[in-house]
C-alpha atoms as a PDB file:
ATOM      1  CA  MET A   1      54.130 226.220 115.237  1.00  0.00           C
ATOM      2  CA  SER A   2      54.026 226.710 111.484  1.00  0.00           C
ATOM      3  CA  CYS A   3      50.844 226.075 109.533  1.00  0.00           C
ATOM      4  CA  SER A   4      52.464 223.343 107.437  1.00  0.00           C
ATOM      5  CA  VAL A   5      53.513 221.389 110.528  1.00  0.00           C
ATOM      6  CA  GLN A   6      50.060 221.835 112.084  1.00  0.00           C
ATOM      7  CA  LYS A   7      48.437 220.633 108.860  1.00  0.00           C
ATOM      8  CA  ASP A   8      50.684 217.532 108.846  1.00  0.00           C
ATOM      9  CA  ILE A   9      49.768 216.786 112.459  1.00  0.00           C
ATOM     10  CA  ASP A  10      46.057 217.185 111.765  1.00  0.00           C
ATOM     11  CA  THR A  11      46.021 214.915 108.695  1.00  0.00           C
ATOM     12  CA  ALA A  12      48.533 212.239 109.698  1.00  0.00           C
ATOM     13  CA  ILE A  13      47.185 209.161 111.425  1.00  0.00           C
ATOM     14  CA  TYR A  14      49.791 207.631 113.726  1.00  0.00           C
ATOM     15  CA  ASP A  15      49.750 204.192 115.265  1.00  0.00           C
ATOM     16  CA  VAL A  16      52.677 203.630 117.641  1.00  0.00           C
ATOM     17  CA  TYR A  17      53.844 200.334 119.114  1.00  0.00           C
ATOM     18  CA  TYR A  18      56.603 200.105 121.690  1.00  0.00           C
ATOM     19  CA  GLU A  19      57.753 196.603 122.527  1.00  0.00           C
ATOM     20  CA  ALA A  20      60.373 195.500 125.027  1.00  0.00           C
ATOM     21  CA  LYS A  21      61.031 191.855 125.791  1.00  0.00           C
ATOM     22  CA  THR A  22      63.455 189.314 127.131  1.00  0.00           C
ATOM     23  CA  ARG A  23      63.129 185.769 128.397  1.00  0.00           C
ATOM     24  CA  GLY A  24      59.997 185.638 130.524  1.00  0.00           C
ATOM     25  CA  SER A  25      59.257 189.370 130.553  1.00  0.00           C
ATOM     26  CA  PHE A  26      57.614 191.854 128.198  1.00  0.00           C
ATOM     27  CA  ILE A  27      56.258 195.391 127.976  1.00  0.00           C
ATOM     28  CA  ASN A  28      53.961 196.613 125.201  1.00  0.00           C
ATOM     29  CA  ILE A  29      52.712 200.172 124.800  1.00  0.00           C
ATOM     30  CA  HIS A  30      50.323 201.066 121.991  1.00  0.00           C
ATOM     31  CA  PHE A  31      49.217 204.601 121.103  1.00  0.00           C
ATOM     32  CA  LYS A  32      46.437 205.257 118.615  1.00  0.00           C
ATOM     33  CA  GLU A  33      44.263 208.347 118.326  1.00  0.00           C
ATOM     34  CA  ARG A  34      43.582 209.212 121.988  1.00  0.00           C
ATOM     35  CA  THR A  35      44.279 205.871 123.669  1.00  0.00           C
ATOM     36  CA  VAL A  36      47.406 204.418 125.243  1.00  0.00           C
ATOM     37  CA  THR A  37      47.262 200.712 126.015  1.00  0.00           C
ATOM     38  CA  PHE A  38      49.858 199.192 128.333  1.00  0.00           C
ATOM     39  CA  LYS A  39      50.486 195.475 128.776  1.00  0.00           C
ATOM     40  CA  SER A  40      53.278 193.801 130.662  1.00  0.00           C
ATOM     41  CA  THR A  41      54.051 190.507 132.301  1.00  0.00           C
ATOM     42  CA  THR A  42      52.190 191.709 135.409  1.00  0.00           C
ATOM     43  CA  GLU A  43      49.865 194.543 134.348  1.00  0.00           C
ATOM     44  CA  ASP A  44      47.265 195.472 131.739  1.00  0.00           C
ATOM     45  CA  LYS A  45      45.598 198.883 131.435  1.00  0.00           C
ATOM     46  CA  SER A  46      44.196 201.383 128.965  1.00  0.00           C
ATOM     47  CA  ILE A  47      44.278 205.163 129.306  1.00  0.00           C
ATOM     48  CA  VAL A  48      42.133 207.628 127.350  1.00  0.00           C
ATOM     49  CA  LEU A  49      44.168 210.766 126.721  1.00  0.00           C
ATOM     50  CA  SER A  50      42.992 214.322 126.606  1.00  0.00           C
ATOM     51  CA  LYS A  51      43.013 215.952 123.188  1.00  0.00           C
ATOM     52  CA  ILE A  52      45.973 218.086 124.328  1.00  0.00           C
ATOM     53  CA  ASP A  53      48.019 215.014 125.345  1.00  0.00           C
ATOM     54  CA  ALA A  54      47.194 213.218 122.089  1.00  0.00           C
ATOM     55  CA  ASN A  55      48.185 216.316 120.106  1.00  0.00           C
ATOM     56  CA  THR A  56      51.462 216.504 122.050  1.00  0.00           C
ATOM     57  CA  ILE A  57      52.312 212.936 121.026  1.00  0.00           C
ATOM     58  CA  ASN A  58      51.367 213.697 117.421  1.00  0.00           C
ATOM     59  CA  GLU A  59      53.582 216.795 117.505  1.00  0.00           C
ATOM     60  CA  ILE A  60      56.523 214.745 118.813  1.00  0.00           C
ATOM     61  CA  LEU A  61      55.908 212.154 116.082  1.00  0.00           C
ATOM     62  CA  SER A  62      55.773 214.812 113.364  1.00  0.00           C
ATOM     63  CA  LYS A  63      59.331 215.886 114.284  1.00  0.00           C
ATOM     64  CA  ILE A  64      60.814 212.374 113.953  1.00  0.00           C
ATOM     65  CA  LYS A  65      62.356 211.444 110.606  1.00  0.00           C
ATOM     66  CA  LEU A  66      60.533 208.122 110.379  1.00  0.00           C
ATOM     67  CA  SER A  67      62.416 206.901 107.312  1.00  0.00           C
ATOM     68  CA  GLU A  68      65.640 207.029 109.360  1.00  0.00           C
ATOM     69  CA  ILE A  69      64.590 205.275 112.587  1.00  0.00           C
ATOM     70  CA  SER A  70      65.772 201.864 111.375  1.00  0.00           C
ATOM     71  CA  ASN A  71      69.331 203.241 111.225  1.00  0.00           C
ATOM     72  CA  LEU A  72      69.487 204.924 114.638  1.00  0.00           C
ATOM     73  CA  LYS A  73      72.317 203.870 116.939  1.00  0.00           C
ATOM     74  CA  ALA A  74      71.381 202.637 120.398  1.00  0.00           C
ATOM     75  CA  PRO A  75      73.219 204.555 123.155  1.00  0.00           C
ATOM     76  CA  SER A  76      73.874 201.400 125.229  1.00  0.00           C
ATOM     77  CA  ASP A  77      74.252 197.648 124.732  1.00  0.00           C
ATOM     78  CA  LYS A  78      72.947 195.996 127.915  1.00  0.00           C
ATOM     79  CA  ARG A  79      70.411 193.986 125.875  1.00  0.00           C
ATOM     80  CA  PHE A  80      73.267 191.872 124.499  1.00  0.00           C
ATOM     81  CA  TYR A  81      73.930 190.258 127.879  1.00  0.00           C
ATOM     82  CA  ASP A  82      70.411 190.288 129.397  1.00  0.00           C
ATOM     83  CA  GLY A  83      71.150 193.530 131.248  1.00  0.00           C
ATOM     84  CA  ALA A  84      68.047 195.138 129.714  1.00  0.00           C
ATOM     85  CA  LEU A  85      64.980 194.179 127.741  1.00  0.00           C
ATOM     86  CA  ILE A  86      65.360 194.446 123.952  1.00  0.00           C
ATOM     87  CA  ALA A  87      63.109 197.277 122.787  1.00  0.00           C
ATOM     88  CA  ASN A  88      61.973 198.864 119.559  1.00  0.00           C
ATOM     89  CA  PHE A  89      59.318 201.158 118.146  1.00  0.00           C
ATOM     90  CA  THR A  90      57.055 200.438 115.200  1.00  0.00           C
ATOM     91  CA  ILE A  91      55.428 203.619 113.990  1.00  0.00           C
ATOM     92  CA  LYS A  92      52.731 203.572 111.360  1.00  0.00           C
ATOM     93  CA  LYS A  93      51.986 206.845 109.648  1.00  0.00           C
ATOM     94  CA  ASN A  94      48.872 206.567 107.522  1.00  0.00           C
ATOM     95  CA  ASP A  95      49.564 203.271 105.669  1.00  0.00           C
ATOM     96  CA  THR A  96      53.368 203.086 105.977  1.00  0.00           C
ATOM     97  CA  SER A  97      55.195 201.290 108.817  1.00  0.00           C
ATOM     98  CA  TYR A  98      58.617 202.252 110.154  1.00  0.00           C
ATOM     99  CA  VAL A  99      60.529 200.002 112.570  1.00  0.00           C
ATOM    100  CA  SER A 100      63.336 201.335 114.732  1.00  0.00           C
ATOM    101  CA  SER A 101      66.620 199.605 115.312  1.00  0.00           C
ATOM    102  CA  PRO A 102      66.677 197.627 118.601  1.00  0.00           C
ATOM    103  CA  PHE A 103      67.786 199.383 121.786  1.00  0.00           C
ATOM    104  CA  ASP A 104      67.827 198.849 125.560  1.00  0.00           C
ATOM    105  CA  HIS A 105      64.464 199.353 127.270  1.00  0.00           C
ATOM    106  CA  GLY A 106      64.493 202.746 128.950  1.00  0.00           C
ATOM    107  CA  ASN A 107      67.399 204.039 126.874  1.00  0.00           C
ATOM    108  CA  PRO A 108      66.240 204.725 123.305  1.00  0.00           C
ATOM    109  CA  PRO A 109      68.232 206.669 120.722  1.00  0.00           C
ATOM    110  CA  LYS A 110      68.033 210.417 121.409  1.00  0.00           C
ATOM    111  CA  GLU A 111      65.741 210.919 118.393  1.00  0.00           C
ATOM    112  CA  LEU A 112      63.113 208.688 120.057  1.00  0.00           C
ATOM    113  CA  GLN A 113      63.684 209.786 123.672  1.00  0.00           C
ATOM    114  CA  ALA A 114      60.902 212.415 123.799  1.00  0.00           C
ATOM    115  CA  LEU A 115      58.370 209.924 122.419  1.00  0.00           C
ATOM    116  CA  PHE A 116      59.460 207.237 124.886  1.00  0.00           C
ATOM    117  CA  ASN A 117      59.336 209.645 127.837  1.00  0.00           C
ATOM    118  CA  LYS A 118      55.869 210.925 126.923  1.00  0.00           C
ATOM    119  CA  LEU A 119      54.421 207.423 126.545  1.00  0.00           C
ATOM    120  CA  GLN A 120      56.021 206.318 129.814  1.00  0.00           C
ATOM    121  CA  SER A 121      54.533 209.323 131.615  1.00  0.00           C
ATOM    122  CA  PHE A 122      51.012 208.001 130.975  1.00  0.00           C
ATOM    123  CA  ILE A 123      51.589 204.516 132.344  1.00  0.00           C
ATOM    124  CA  LYS A 124      53.263 205.439 135.630  1.00  0.00           C
END
């Protein structure tokens, strides 16, 4: 890993919100510092991450072009007919917020797939 990327990871403060919802059902995942909070229609839990896991998430975030996430194309359209929850990410880096385009829960744009998979791995 280059020094400039490591420096960016060390100084950037990320606050990540994943939200998926439809009529009568919701999933919220929140990552900040070393904590992942999960809330759903049926469950509520908080996980304290190891420093290595938190750094892995920060590394994934540092590779995402945040200014472009609002224009990403969803790979599927099941959310349009209640075939999937409508999901999106809101990522705050320092004091700036970036909101992704909506996508089907479980099937984010490829640019957000690694982040989604890593967050999901902690709540299973």
